[in-house]
C-alpha atoms as a PDB file:
ATOM      1  CA  MET A   1     -27.399  25.104 -38.070  1.00  0.00           C
ATOM      2  CA  THR A   2     -30.382  22.834 -38.718  1.00  0.00           C
ATOM      3  CA  SER A   3     -32.639  22.421 -35.685  1.00  0.00           C
ATOM      4  CA  ALA A   4     -34.652  19.269 -34.993  1.00  0.00           C
ATOM      5  CA  LEU A   5     -37.266  18.394 -32.383  1.00  0.00           C
ATOM      6  CA  VAL A   6     -37.629  14.662 -31.662  1.00  0.00           C
ATOM      7  CA  THR A   7     -40.491  12.937 -29.867  1.00  0.00           C
ATOM      8  CA  GLY A   8     -39.938   9.438 -28.492  1.00  0.00           C
ATOM      9  CA  ALA A   9     -36.281  10.390 -28.151  1.00  0.00           C
ATOM     10  CA  THR A  10     -35.400   7.847 -25.461  1.00  0.00           C
ATOM     11  CA  GLY A  11     -36.792   4.885 -27.408  1.00  0.00           C
ATOM     12  CA  GLN A  12     -34.812   2.660 -29.739  1.00  0.00           C
ATOM     13  CA  ASP A  13     -35.169   4.790 -32.877  1.00  0.00           C
ATOM     14  CA  GLY A  14     -35.240   8.122 -31.083  1.00  0.00           C
ATOM     15  CA  SER A  15     -31.967   7.550 -29.265  1.00  0.00           C
ATOM     16  CA  TYR A  16     -30.173   6.486 -32.453  1.00  0.00           C
ATOM     17  CA  LEU A  17     -31.672   9.465 -34.286  1.00  0.00           C
ATOM     18  CA  CYS A  18     -30.504  11.957 -31.667  1.00  0.00           C
ATOM     19  CA  GLU A  19     -26.991  10.513 -31.777  1.00  0.00           C
ATOM     20  CA  MET A  20     -26.852  10.691 -35.582  1.00  0.00           C
ATOM     21  CA  LEU A  21     -28.143  14.245 -35.710  1.00  0.00           C
ATOM     22  CA  VAL A  22     -25.701  15.447 -33.035  1.00  0.00           C
ATOM     23  CA  ASP A  23     -22.839  13.753 -34.913  1.00  0.00           C
ATOM     24  CA  ARG A  24     -23.908  15.628 -38.044  1.00  0.00           C
ATOM     25  CA  GLY A  25     -23.774  18.960 -36.242  1.00  0.00           C
ATOM     26  CA  TRP A  26     -27.507  19.560 -35.815  1.00  0.00           C
ATOM     27  CA  ASP A  27     -29.103  21.481 -32.965  1.00  0.00           C
ATOM     28  CA  VAL A  28     -31.148  18.669 -31.388  1.00  0.00           C
ATOM     29  CA  HIS A  29     -34.090  19.044 -29.012  1.00  0.00           C
ATOM     30  CA  ALA A  30     -36.115  16.210 -27.491  1.00  0.00           C
ATOM     31  CA  VAL A  31     -39.602  16.023 -26.018  1.00  0.00           C
ATOM     32  CA  VAL A  32     -39.188  13.648 -23.088  1.00  0.00           C
ATOM     33  CA  ARG A  33     -41.566  12.408 -20.431  1.00  0.00           C
ATOM     34  CA  ARG A  34     -39.900  12.442 -17.029  1.00  0.00           C
ATOM     35  CA  ALA A  35     -40.732   8.755 -16.609  1.00  0.00           C
ATOM     36  CA  ASP A  36     -38.756   7.895 -19.775  1.00  0.00           C
ATOM     37  CA  GLU A  37     -35.558   9.854 -19.127  1.00  0.00           C
ATOM     38  CA  GLY A  38     -33.517   6.798 -18.145  1.00  0.00           C
ATOM     39  CA  GLU A  39     -34.667   4.488 -20.941  1.00  0.00           C
ATOM     40  CA  ASN A  40     -31.806   5.140 -23.402  1.00  0.00           C
ATOM     41  CA  PRO A  41     -29.407   7.945 -22.392  1.00  0.00           C
ATOM     42  CA  LEU A  42     -29.125  10.787 -24.891  1.00  0.00           C
ATOM     43  CA  PRO A  43     -26.022  12.783 -25.830  1.00  0.00           C
ATOM     44  CA  ASP A  44     -25.307  15.734 -23.568  1.00  0.00           C
ATOM     45  CA  ALA A  45     -25.754  18.065 -26.534  1.00  0.00           C
ATOM     46  CA  VAL A  46     -29.467  17.224 -26.768  1.00  0.00           C
ATOM     47  CA  GLU A  47     -31.671  19.836 -25.087  1.00  0.00           C
ATOM     48  CA  LEU A  48     -34.568  18.244 -23.220  1.00  0.00           C
ATOM     49  CA  HIS A  49     -38.106  19.628 -23.172  1.00  0.00           C
ATOM     50  CA  HIS A  50     -40.345  17.854 -20.689  1.00  0.00           C
ATOM     51  CA  GLY A  51     -43.676  17.109 -22.265  1.00  0.00           C
ATOM     52  CA  ASP A  52     -46.132  14.482 -23.373  1.00  0.00           C
ATOM     53  CA  LEU A  53     -47.840  13.654 -26.665  1.00  0.00           C
ATOM     54  CA  LEU A  54     -51.161  13.812 -24.811  1.00  0.00           C
ATOM     55  CA  ASP A  55     -50.471  17.367 -23.626  1.00  0.00           C
ATOM     56  CA  ALA A  56     -50.815  19.757 -26.566  1.00  0.00           C
ATOM     57  CA  ALA A  57     -49.706  22.695 -24.407  1.00  0.00           C
ATOM     58  CA  SER A  58     -46.402  21.000 -23.569  1.00  0.00           C
ATOM     59  CA  LEU A  59     -45.839  20.198 -27.256  1.00  0.00           C
ATOM     60  CA  ALA A  60     -46.528  23.812 -28.190  1.00  0.00           C
ATOM     61  CA  LYS A  61     -44.055  24.989 -25.554  1.00  0.00           C
ATOM     62  CA  ALA A  62     -41.407  22.600 -26.902  1.00  0.00           C
ATOM     63  CA  VAL A  63     -41.958  23.798 -30.477  1.00  0.00           C
ATOM     64  CA  ARG A  64     -41.637  27.423 -29.370  1.00  0.00           C
ATOM     65  CA  GLY A  65     -38.503  26.655 -27.380  1.00  0.00           C
ATOM     66  CA  ALA A  66     -36.798  24.611 -30.077  1.00  0.00           C
ATOM     67  CA  SER A  67     -37.911  26.663 -33.114  1.00  0.00           C
ATOM     68  CA  PRO A  68     -37.248  23.538 -35.192  1.00  0.00           C
ATOM     69  CA  ASP A  69     -36.684  23.210 -38.907  1.00  0.00           C
ATOM     70  CA  LEU A  70     -37.829  19.602 -38.612  1.00  0.00           C
ATOM     71  CA  ILE A  71     -40.023  17.644 -36.221  1.00  0.00           C
ATOM     72  CA  PHE A  72     -39.429  13.895 -36.059  1.00  0.00           C
ATOM     73  CA  ASN A  73     -42.425  12.166 -34.482  1.00  0.00           C
ATOM     74  CA  LEU A  74     -41.183   8.826 -33.182  1.00  0.00           C
ATOM     75  CA  GLY A  75     -43.140   8.767 -29.937  1.00  0.00           C
ATOM     76  CA  GLY A  76     -46.076   6.608 -28.938  1.00  0.00           C
ATOM     77  CA  ILE A  77     -47.094   3.124 -27.888  1.00  0.00           C
ATOM     78  CA  SER A  78     -45.205   0.747 -30.163  1.00  0.00           C
ATOM     79  CA  SER A  79     -46.521  -2.620 -28.984  1.00  0.00           C
ATOM     80  CA  VAL A  80     -49.424  -4.228 -30.848  1.00  0.00           C
ATOM     81  CA  GLY A  81     -50.256  -6.313 -27.771  1.00  0.00           C
ATOM     82  CA  GLU A  82     -50.273  -3.251 -25.531  1.00  0.00           C
ATOM     83  CA  SER A  83     -52.598  -1.499 -27.968  1.00  0.00           C
ATOM     84  CA  TRP A  84     -55.235  -4.185 -27.374  1.00  0.00           C
ATOM     85  CA  ARG A  85     -54.923  -3.709 -23.619  1.00  0.00           C
ATOM     86  CA  ARG A  86     -55.113   0.102 -23.895  1.00  0.00           C
ATOM     87  CA  PRO A  87     -56.931   0.894 -27.156  1.00  0.00           C
ATOM     88  CA  GLU A  88     -58.180   4.375 -26.259  1.00  0.00           C
ATOM     89  CA  LEU A  89     -54.773   5.524 -25.049  1.00  0.00           C
ATOM     90  CA  THR A  90     -53.185   4.087 -28.186  1.00  0.00           C
ATOM     91  CA  ALA A  91     -55.628   5.958 -30.409  1.00  0.00           C
ATOM     92  CA  ARG A  92     -54.807   9.227 -28.662  1.00  0.00           C
ATOM     93  CA  VAL A  93     -51.022   8.838 -28.466  1.00  0.00           C
ATOM     94  CA  VAL A  94     -50.336   7.139 -31.801  1.00  0.00           C
ATOM     95  CA  GLY A  95     -53.098   8.745 -33.863  1.00  0.00           C
ATOM     96  CA  ALA A  96     -54.651  11.937 -32.538  1.00  0.00           C
ATOM     97  CA  ALA A  97     -51.361  13.383 -31.239  1.00  0.00           C
ATOM     98  CA  VAL A  98     -50.117  13.524 -34.822  1.00  0.00           C
ATOM     99  CA  ALA A  99     -52.866  16.035 -35.584  1.00  0.00           C
ATOM    100  CA  SER A 100     -51.522  18.249 -32.788  1.00  0.00           C
ATOM    101  CA  ILE A 101     -47.973  18.019 -34.144  1.00  0.00           C
ATOM    102  CA  LEU A 102     -49.023  18.836 -37.707  1.00  0.00           C
ATOM    103  CA  ASP A 103     -51.155  21.752 -36.557  1.00  0.00           C
ATOM    104  CA  LEU A 104     -48.271  23.115 -34.480  1.00  0.00           C
ATOM    105  CA  ALA A 105     -45.923  22.760 -37.455  1.00  0.00           C
ATOM    106  CA  GLN A 106     -48.310  24.673 -39.681  1.00  0.00           C
ATOM    107  CA  ARG A 107     -48.822  27.419 -37.092  1.00  0.00           C
ATOM    108  CA  ALA A 108     -45.065  27.708 -36.450  1.00  0.00           C
ATOM    109  CA  GLN A 109     -44.472  27.855 -40.184  1.00  0.00           C
ATOM    110  CA  ASP A 110     -47.014  30.656 -40.619  1.00  0.00           C
ATOM    111  CA  GLU A 111     -45.708  32.646 -37.637  1.00  0.00           C
ATOM    112  CA  ALA A 112     -41.965  32.239 -38.254  1.00  0.00           C
ATOM    113  CA  GLY A 113     -42.160  32.471 -42.024  1.00  0.00           C
ATOM    114  CA  LYS A 114     -39.951  29.402 -42.457  1.00  0.00           C
ATOM    115  CA  GLN A 115     -40.717  25.850 -43.470  1.00  0.00           C
ATOM    116  CA  VAL A 116     -41.198  23.396 -40.601  1.00  0.00           C
ATOM    117  CA  ARG A 117     -40.972  19.816 -41.822  1.00  0.00           C
ATOM    118  CA  VAL A 118     -42.638  16.837 -40.119  1.00  0.00           C
ATOM    119  CA  LEU A 119     -41.418  13.241 -40.389  1.00  0.00           C
ATOM    120  CA  GLN A 120     -43.884  10.665 -39.146  1.00  0.00           C
ATOM    121  CA  ALA A 121     -42.581   7.212 -38.187  1.00  0.00           C
ATOM    122  CA  SER A 122     -45.280   5.041 -39.737  1.00  0.00           C
ATOM    123  CA  SER A 123     -45.473   1.248 -39.710  1.00  0.00           C
ATOM    124  CA  SER A 124     -45.912  -1.727 -42.014  1.00  0.00           C
ATOM    125  CA  GLN A 125     -48.736  -2.710 -39.654  1.00  0.00           C
ATOM    126  CA  ILE A 126     -51.002  -0.343 -41.608  1.00  0.00           C
ATOM    127  CA  PHE A 127     -51.115  -2.759 -44.553  1.00  0.00           C
ATOM    128  CA  ASP A 128     -53.884  -5.275 -45.147  1.00  0.00           C
ATOM    129  CA  PRO A 129     -52.481  -8.680 -44.099  1.00  0.00           C
ATOM    130  CA  ALA A 130     -54.363 -10.255 -47.011  1.00  0.00           C
ATOM    131  CA  ALA A 131     -52.319  -8.234 -49.512  1.00  0.00           C
ATOM    132  CA  PRO A 132     -49.599 -10.442 -51.030  1.00  0.00           C
ATOM    133  CA  PRO A 133     -46.005  -9.463 -50.270  1.00  0.00           C
ATOM    134  CA  PRO A 134     -43.993  -7.474 -51.013  1.00  0.00           C
ATOM    135  CA  GLN A 135     -45.906  -4.449 -49.743  1.00  0.00           C
ATOM    136  CA  ASN A 136     -45.123  -1.015 -51.157  1.00  0.00           C
ATOM    137  CA  GLU A 137     -46.470   2.521 -50.888  1.00  0.00           C
ATOM    138  CA  THR A 138     -49.561   1.636 -52.976  1.00  0.00           C
ATOM    139  CA  SER A 139     -50.493  -1.556 -51.096  1.00  0.00           C
ATOM    140  CA  PRO A 140     -54.009  -1.514 -49.581  1.00  0.00           C
ATOM    141  CA  ILE A 141     -54.435  -0.276 -46.023  1.00  0.00           C
ATOM    142  CA  GLY A 142     -56.147  -2.737 -43.692  1.00  0.00           C
ATOM    143  CA  PRO A 143     -55.277  -2.416 -39.988  1.00  0.00           C
ATOM    144  CA  THR A 144     -55.964  -5.386 -37.696  1.00  0.00           C
ATOM    145  CA  SER A 145     -55.175  -3.853 -34.291  1.00  0.00           C
ATOM    146  CA  PRO A 146     -55.726  -0.569 -32.436  1.00  0.00           C
ATOM    147  CA  TYR A 147     -52.051   0.219 -32.998  1.00  0.00           C
ATOM    148  CA  ALA A 148     -52.328  -0.345 -36.756  1.00  0.00           C
ATOM    149  CA  ALA A 149     -55.585   1.613 -36.964  1.00  0.00           C
ATOM    150  CA  SER A 150     -53.991   4.539 -35.126  1.00  0.00           C
ATOM    151  CA  LYS A 151     -50.942   4.489 -37.402  1.00  0.00           C
ATOM    152  CA  SER A 152     -53.260   4.378 -40.422  1.00  0.00           C
ATOM    153  CA  PHE A 153     -55.095   7.479 -39.157  1.00  0.00           C
ATOM    154  CA  ALA A 154     -51.769   9.246 -38.638  1.00  0.00           C
ATOM    155  CA  GLN A 155     -50.715   8.273 -42.155  1.00  0.00           C
ATOM    156  CA  GLN A 156     -53.858   9.879 -43.571  1.00  0.00           C
ATOM    157  CA  LEU A 157     -53.250  13.020 -41.511  1.00  0.00           C
ATOM    158  CA  ILE A 158     -49.757  13.316 -43.010  1.00  0.00           C
ATOM    159  CA  GLN A 159     -51.219  13.213 -46.501  1.00  0.00           C
ATOM    160  CA  LEU A 160     -53.991  15.650 -45.558  1.00  0.00           C
ATOM    161  CA  TYR A 161     -51.620  18.276 -44.158  1.00  0.00           C
ATOM    162  CA  ARG A 162     -49.230  17.774 -47.069  1.00  0.00           C
ATOM    163  CA  GLY A 163     -52.104  18.983 -49.225  1.00  0.00           C
ATOM    164  CA  ARG A 164     -52.313  22.089 -47.017  1.00  0.00           C
ATOM    165  CA  GLY A 165     -48.717  23.096 -47.656  1.00  0.00           C
ATOM    166  CA  VAL A 166     -46.911  21.389 -44.768  1.00  0.00           C
ATOM    167  CA  PHE A 167     -43.774  19.437 -45.661  1.00  0.00           C
ATOM    168  CA  ALA A 168     -45.254  16.281 -44.144  1.00  0.00           C
ATOM    169  CA  CYS A 169     -43.680  12.927 -44.958  1.00  0.00           C
ATOM    170  CA  SER A 170     -43.678   9.423 -43.557  1.00  0.00           C
ATOM    171  CA  ALA A 171     -41.300   6.500 -43.263  1.00  0.00           C
ATOM    172  CA  ILE A 172     -43.369   3.312 -43.467  1.00  0.00           C
ATOM    173  CA  LEU A 173     -41.051   1.181 -41.374  1.00  0.00           C
ATOM    174  CA  PHE A 174     -40.953  -2.589 -41.518  1.00  0.00           C
ATOM    175  CA  ASN A 175     -39.573  -4.460 -38.505  1.00  0.00           C
ATOM    176  CA  HIS A 176     -36.217  -3.088 -37.408  1.00  0.00           C
ATOM    177  CA  GLU A 177     -34.280  -4.230 -34.384  1.00  0.00           C
ATOM    178  CA  SER A 178     -31.237  -3.585 -32.200  1.00  0.00           C
ATOM    179  CA  PRO A 179     -29.984  -4.283 -28.681  1.00  0.00           C
ATOM    180  CA  ARG A 180     -32.020  -1.245 -27.599  1.00  0.00           C
ATOM    181  CA  ARG A 181     -35.285  -3.087 -28.215  1.00  0.00           C
ATOM    182  CA  PRO A 182     -37.143  -3.873 -24.967  1.00  0.00           C
ATOM    183  CA  THR A 183     -37.564  -7.569 -24.163  1.00  0.00           C
ATOM    184  CA  THR A 184     -41.319  -7.166 -24.689  1.00  0.00           C
ATOM    185  CA  PHE A 185     -40.550  -7.412 -28.427  1.00  0.00           C
ATOM    186  CA  VAL A 186     -40.184 -10.958 -29.716  1.00  0.00           C
ATOM    187  CA  THR A 187     -36.737 -10.443 -31.250  1.00  0.00           C
ATOM    188  CA  ARG A 188     -35.168  -9.166 -28.038  1.00  0.00           C
ATOM    189  CA  LYS A 189     -37.118 -11.748 -26.035  1.00  0.00           C
ATOM    190  CA  ILE A 190     -35.428 -14.391 -28.194  1.00  0.00           C
ATOM    191  CA  THR A 191     -31.873 -13.087 -27.945  1.00  0.00           C
ATOM    192  CA  ALA A 192     -32.139 -12.357 -24.211  1.00  0.00           C
ATOM    193  CA  GLY A 193     -33.688 -15.804 -23.621  1.00  0.00           C
ATOM    194  CA  VAL A 194     -31.004 -17.555 -25.665  1.00  0.00           C
ATOM    195  CA  ALA A 195     -28.308 -15.756 -23.697  1.00  0.00           C
ATOM    196  CA  GLN A 196     -29.867 -16.856 -20.402  1.00  0.00           C
ATOM    197  CA  ILE A 197     -30.045 -20.463 -21.601  1.00  0.00           C
ATOM    198  CA  ALA A 198     -26.469 -20.390 -22.908  1.00  0.00           C
ATOM    199  CA  ASN A 199     -25.290 -19.146 -19.514  1.00  0.00           C
ATOM    200  CA  GLY A 200     -27.251 -21.787 -17.610  1.00  0.00           C
ATOM    201  CA  ARG A 201     -29.641 -19.277 -16.080  1.00  0.00           C
ATOM    202  CA  ALA A 202     -32.767 -20.561 -17.862  1.00  0.00           C
ATOM    203  CA  SER A 203     -33.887 -23.822 -19.426  1.00  0.00           C
ATOM    204  CA  THR A 204     -36.750 -22.856 -21.736  1.00  0.00           C
ATOM    205  CA  LEU A 205     -37.844 -20.124 -24.120  1.00  0.00           C
ATOM    206  CA  SER A 206     -41.596 -19.850 -24.650  1.00  0.00           C
ATOM    207  CA  LEU A 207     -42.837 -18.268 -27.880  1.00  0.00           C
ATOM    208  CA  GLY A 208     -45.921 -18.008 -30.077  1.00  0.00           C
ATOM    209  CA  SER A 209     -45.988 -19.243 -33.664  1.00  0.00           C
ATOM    210  CA  LEU A 210     -42.537 -19.940 -35.104  1.00  0.00           C
ATOM    211  CA  ASP A 211     -43.817 -19.824 -38.687  1.00  0.00           C
ATOM    212  CA  VAL A 212     -44.526 -16.108 -38.999  1.00  0.00           C
ATOM    213  CA  PHE A 213     -42.258 -14.394 -41.546  1.00  0.00           C
ATOM    214  CA  ARG A 214     -41.071 -10.817 -41.105  1.00  0.00           C
ATOM    215  CA  ASP A 215     -38.752  -8.381 -42.887  1.00  0.00           C
ATOM    216  CA  TRP A 216     -36.168  -7.574 -40.208  1.00  0.00           C
ATOM    217  CA  GLY A 217     -33.711  -4.707 -40.552  1.00  0.00           C
ATOM    218  CA  TRP A 218     -31.175  -2.865 -38.403  1.00  0.00           C
ATOM    219  CA  ALA A 219     -32.584   0.137 -36.533  1.00  0.00           C
ATOM    220  CA  PRO A 220     -29.708   2.586 -37.226  1.00  0.00           C
ATOM    221  CA  ASP A 221     -30.067   1.877 -40.967  1.00  0.00           C
ATOM    222  CA  TYR A 222     -33.753   2.790 -40.743  1.00  0.00           C
ATOM    223  CA  VAL A 223     -32.995   5.953 -38.780  1.00  0.00           C
ATOM    224  CA  ASP A 224     -30.666   7.000 -41.597  1.00  0.00           C
ATOM    225  CA  ALA A 225     -33.575   6.423 -43.995  1.00  0.00           C
ATOM    226  CA  MET A 226     -35.806   8.682 -41.890  1.00  0.00           C
ATOM    227  CA  ILE A 227     -33.272  11.500 -42.073  1.00  0.00           C
ATOM    228  CA  ARG A 228     -33.054  11.128 -45.849  1.00  0.00           C
ATOM    229  CA  ILE A 229     -36.840  11.240 -46.188  1.00  0.00           C
ATOM    230  CA  ALA A 230     -37.074  14.320 -43.983  1.00  0.00           C
ATOM    231  CA  MET A 231     -34.343  16.082 -45.972  1.00  0.00           C
ATOM    232  CA  ALA A 232     -35.659  15.183 -49.438  1.00  0.00           C
ATOM    233  CA  ASP A 233     -36.483  17.880 -51.969  1.00  0.00           C
ATOM    234  CA  THR A 234     -40.201  17.073 -51.885  1.00  0.00           C
ATOM    235  CA  PRO A 235     -42.373  15.482 -49.160  1.00  0.00           C
ATOM    236  CA  ASP A 236     -43.519  11.939 -49.797  1.00  0.00           C
ATOM    237  CA  ASP A 237     -44.108   8.546 -48.183  1.00  0.00           C
ATOM    238  CA  PHE A 238     -41.506   5.781 -48.415  1.00  0.00           C
ATOM    239  CA  VAL A 239     -41.461   2.114 -47.437  1.00  0.00           C
ATOM    240  CA  VAL A 240     -38.279   1.280 -45.526  1.00  0.00           C
ATOM    241  CA  ALA A 241     -37.436  -2.440 -45.622  1.00  0.00           C
ATOM    242  CA  THR A 242     -34.760  -4.968 -46.568  1.00  0.00           C
ATOM    243  CA  GLY A 243     -36.880  -6.871 -49.096  1.00  0.00           C
ATOM    244  CA  GLU A 244     -36.109 -10.178 -47.370  1.00  0.00           C
ATOM    245  CA  SER A 245     -38.350 -12.119 -45.003  1.00  0.00           C
ATOM    246  CA  HIS A 246     -37.320 -14.711 -42.444  1.00  0.00           C
ATOM    247  CA  SER A 247     -39.370 -16.768 -40.022  1.00  0.00           C
ATOM    248  CA  ILE A 248     -39.246 -16.546 -36.257  1.00  0.00           C
ATOM    249  CA  ARG A 249     -37.997 -20.131 -36.414  1.00  0.00           C
ATOM    250  CA  GLU A 250     -34.996 -18.940 -38.451  1.00  0.00           C
ATOM    251  CA  PHE A 251     -34.398 -16.090 -35.996  1.00  0.00           C
ATOM    252  CA  VAL A 252     -34.422 -18.496 -33.055  1.00  0.00           C
ATOM    253  CA  ALA A 253     -32.148 -21.032 -34.775  1.00  0.00           C
ATOM    254  CA  GLU A 254     -29.662 -18.335 -35.803  1.00  0.00           C
ATOM    255  CA  SER A 255     -29.543 -16.834 -32.324  1.00  0.00           C
ATOM    256  CA  PHE A 256     -28.916 -20.226 -30.727  1.00  0.00           C
ATOM    257  CA  ARG A 257     -26.255 -20.994 -33.358  1.00  0.00           C
ATOM    258  CA  ILE A 258     -24.405 -17.786 -32.520  1.00  0.00           C
ATOM    259  CA  ALA A 259     -24.585 -18.782 -28.855  1.00  0.00           C
ATOM    260  CA  GLY A 260     -23.011 -22.150 -29.733  1.00  0.00           C
ATOM    261  CA  ILE A 261     -26.167 -24.297 -29.397  1.00  0.00           C
ATOM    262  CA  THR A 262     -27.301 -26.378 -32.385  1.00  0.00           C
ATOM    263  CA  ASP A 263     -29.980 -28.615 -30.811  1.00  0.00           C
ATOM    264  CA  TRP A 264     -32.124 -25.607 -29.945  1.00  0.00           C
ATOM    265  CA  GLU A 265     -35.541 -27.273 -30.367  1.00  0.00           C
ATOM    266  CA  ARG A 266     -35.380 -28.901 -26.926  1.00  0.00           C
ATOM    267  CA  PHE A 267     -35.156 -25.481 -25.282  1.00  0.00           C
ATOM    268  CA  VAL A 268     -38.115 -23.885 -27.093  1.00  0.00           C
ATOM    269  CA  SER A 269     -41.808 -24.339 -26.325  1.00  0.00           C
ATOM    270  CA  VAL A 270     -44.738 -22.950 -28.309  1.00  0.00           C
ATOM    271  CA  ASP A 271     -47.574 -21.257 -26.450  1.00  0.00           C
ATOM    272  CA  ASP A 272     -50.592 -20.651 -28.698  1.00  0.00           C
ATOM    273  CA  ALA A 273     -51.825 -17.961 -26.301  1.00  0.00           C
ATOM    274  CA  MET A 274     -48.915 -15.779 -27.454  1.00  0.00           C
ATOM    275  CA  SER A 275     -49.978 -15.909 -31.097  1.00  0.00           C
ATOM    276  CA  ARG A 276     -52.009 -13.098 -32.712  1.00  0.00           C
ATOM    277  CA  PRO A 277     -54.589 -14.647 -35.074  1.00  0.00           C
ATOM    278  CA  GLY A 278     -55.066 -11.470 -37.125  1.00  0.00           C
ATOM    279  CA  ASP A 279     -51.382 -11.129 -38.001  1.00  0.00           C
ATOM    280  CA  ALA A 280     -50.188 -11.647 -41.554  1.00  0.00           C
ATOM    281  CA  VAL A 281     -48.230 -14.842 -42.110  1.00  0.00           C
ATOM    282  CA  GLU A 282     -45.625 -12.891 -44.059  1.00  0.00           C
ATOM    283  CA  MET A 283     -44.690  -9.213 -44.221  1.00  0.00           C
ATOM    284  CA  ARG A 284     -41.998  -8.197 -46.694  1.00  0.00           C
ATOM    285  CA  GLY A 285     -41.360  -4.689 -47.948  1.00  0.00           C
ATOM    286  CA  ASP A 286     -40.515  -3.309 -51.373  1.00  0.00           C
ATOM    287  CA  ALA A 287     -38.124  -0.407 -50.755  1.00  0.00           C
ATOM    288  CA  SER A 288     -37.361   0.267 -54.431  1.00  0.00           C
ATOM    289  CA  LYS A 289     -38.846   3.782 -54.240  1.00  0.00           C
ATOM    290  CA  ILE A 290     -36.497   5.043 -51.512  1.00  0.00           C
ATOM    291  CA  ARG A 291     -33.587   3.217 -53.114  1.00  0.00           C
ATOM    292  CA  GLU A 292     -34.170   4.830 -56.510  1.00  0.00           C
ATOM    293  CA  ARG A 293     -35.115   8.334 -55.341  1.00  0.00           C
ATOM    294  CA  LEU A 294     -32.995   8.836 -52.216  1.00  0.00           C
ATOM    295  CA  GLY A 295     -30.185   6.305 -52.684  1.00  0.00           C
ATOM    296  CA  TRP A 296     -30.933   4.439 -49.467  1.00  0.00           C
ATOM    297  CA  GLN A 297     -30.354   0.745 -48.980  1.00  0.00           C
ATOM    298  CA  PRO A 298     -29.794  -1.312 -45.817  1.00  0.00           C
ATOM    299  CA  GLU A 299     -26.194  -1.924 -44.821  1.00  0.00           C
ATOM    300  CA  HIS A 300     -27.062  -4.750 -42.422  1.00  0.00           C
ATOM    301  CA  ARG A 301     -28.928  -7.943 -43.221  1.00  0.00           C
ATOM    302  CA  PHE A 302     -30.717 -10.601 -41.215  1.00  0.00           C
ATOM    303  CA  HIS A 303     -27.597 -12.387 -39.926  1.00  0.00           C
ATOM    304  CA  ASP A 304     -25.996  -9.083 -38.891  1.00  0.00           C
ATOM    305  CA  VAL A 305     -29.061  -8.086 -36.877  1.00  0.00           C
ATOM    306  CA  VAL A 306     -29.399 -11.411 -35.055  1.00  0.00           C
ATOM    307  CA  ALA A 307     -25.655 -11.603 -34.403  1.00  0.00           C
ATOM    308  CA  ALA A 308     -25.396  -8.096 -32.942  1.00  0.00           C
ATOM    309  CA  MET A 309     -28.384  -8.596 -30.651  1.00  0.00           C
ATOM    310  CA  THR A 310     -27.351 -12.069 -29.505  1.00  0.00           C
ATOM    311  CA  ARG A 311     -23.755 -11.097 -28.762  1.00  0.00           C
ATOM    312  CA  HIS A 312     -24.931  -8.062 -26.824  1.00  0.00           C
ATOM    313  CA  ASP A 313     -27.232 -10.204 -24.674  1.00  0.00           C
ATOM    314  CA  LEU A 314     -24.601 -12.896 -24.214  1.00  0.00           C
ATOM    315  CA  GLU A 315     -22.263 -10.235 -22.857  1.00  0.00           C
ATOM    316  CA  LEU A 316     -24.973  -8.931 -20.541  1.00  0.00           C
ATOM    317  CA  ALA A 317     -25.792 -12.411 -19.275  1.00  0.00           C
ATOM    318  CA  SER A 318     -22.162 -13.326 -18.637  1.00  0.00           C
ATOM    319  CA  SER A 319     -21.530 -10.126 -16.699  1.00  0.00           C
END
């Protein structure tokens, strides 16, 4: 039976990953901070190891206890805004902790005499916003936030340890959403806000720029891509994206439409303080490499994502 150790297991991607791996008959272990245990419940079959990405000793204990064939590193601070408020913590959790994981994988591999693979959840935020879309694996790196800089460092560590014989690979993930996104993310803020307005519990939705374009996918599709990358014959880095970009304005309009509201503009206000000046106007990924080599392609498109999130929040608001 294949054994996997997952960090960030109670987050959006981690919870979907644990469910998929359990369904496929894997032996699944999760590194979980006690404070995060209730975020997204995990299947009973998942064995929990209490630890923290900032505590190398706890990670080492989890690796020894799980004896994993694969380590999926999905943990860390995932908010660009939060990374500006806590830059040092972001650098340690999102960047430096990856060095600990790779070192542990290499040591476990040497001691156990079996390959220990590492899948790093990277981000499209690593790319230079001045690079024209679509971005692919060869697009220039140019981080514009502490979060992006930390992910860029982690990306370089993956490549460095791959050169030292570790099966180290990365999924360079473009935006991917689901009802498990916290409302601190703009997509879930939109669908939760629309649901409140549709149910008469709110009258306005305040957002930053509506004319930013992003490549939005469905989180479970992207988790499937991560599994494929981790199980590939050779370690490599792959962009995971839909290849389509849509504006926040389109996302808002579609969410309101699903909620039965067509004159949505009167409910939405723009607050310039919420905009991030360094952000790229458009991010759109070229996933041809993973499509051609690993046969992956997204099963859900923009409308599917917005519809699923909006209907989920409408049900929550009505109950």
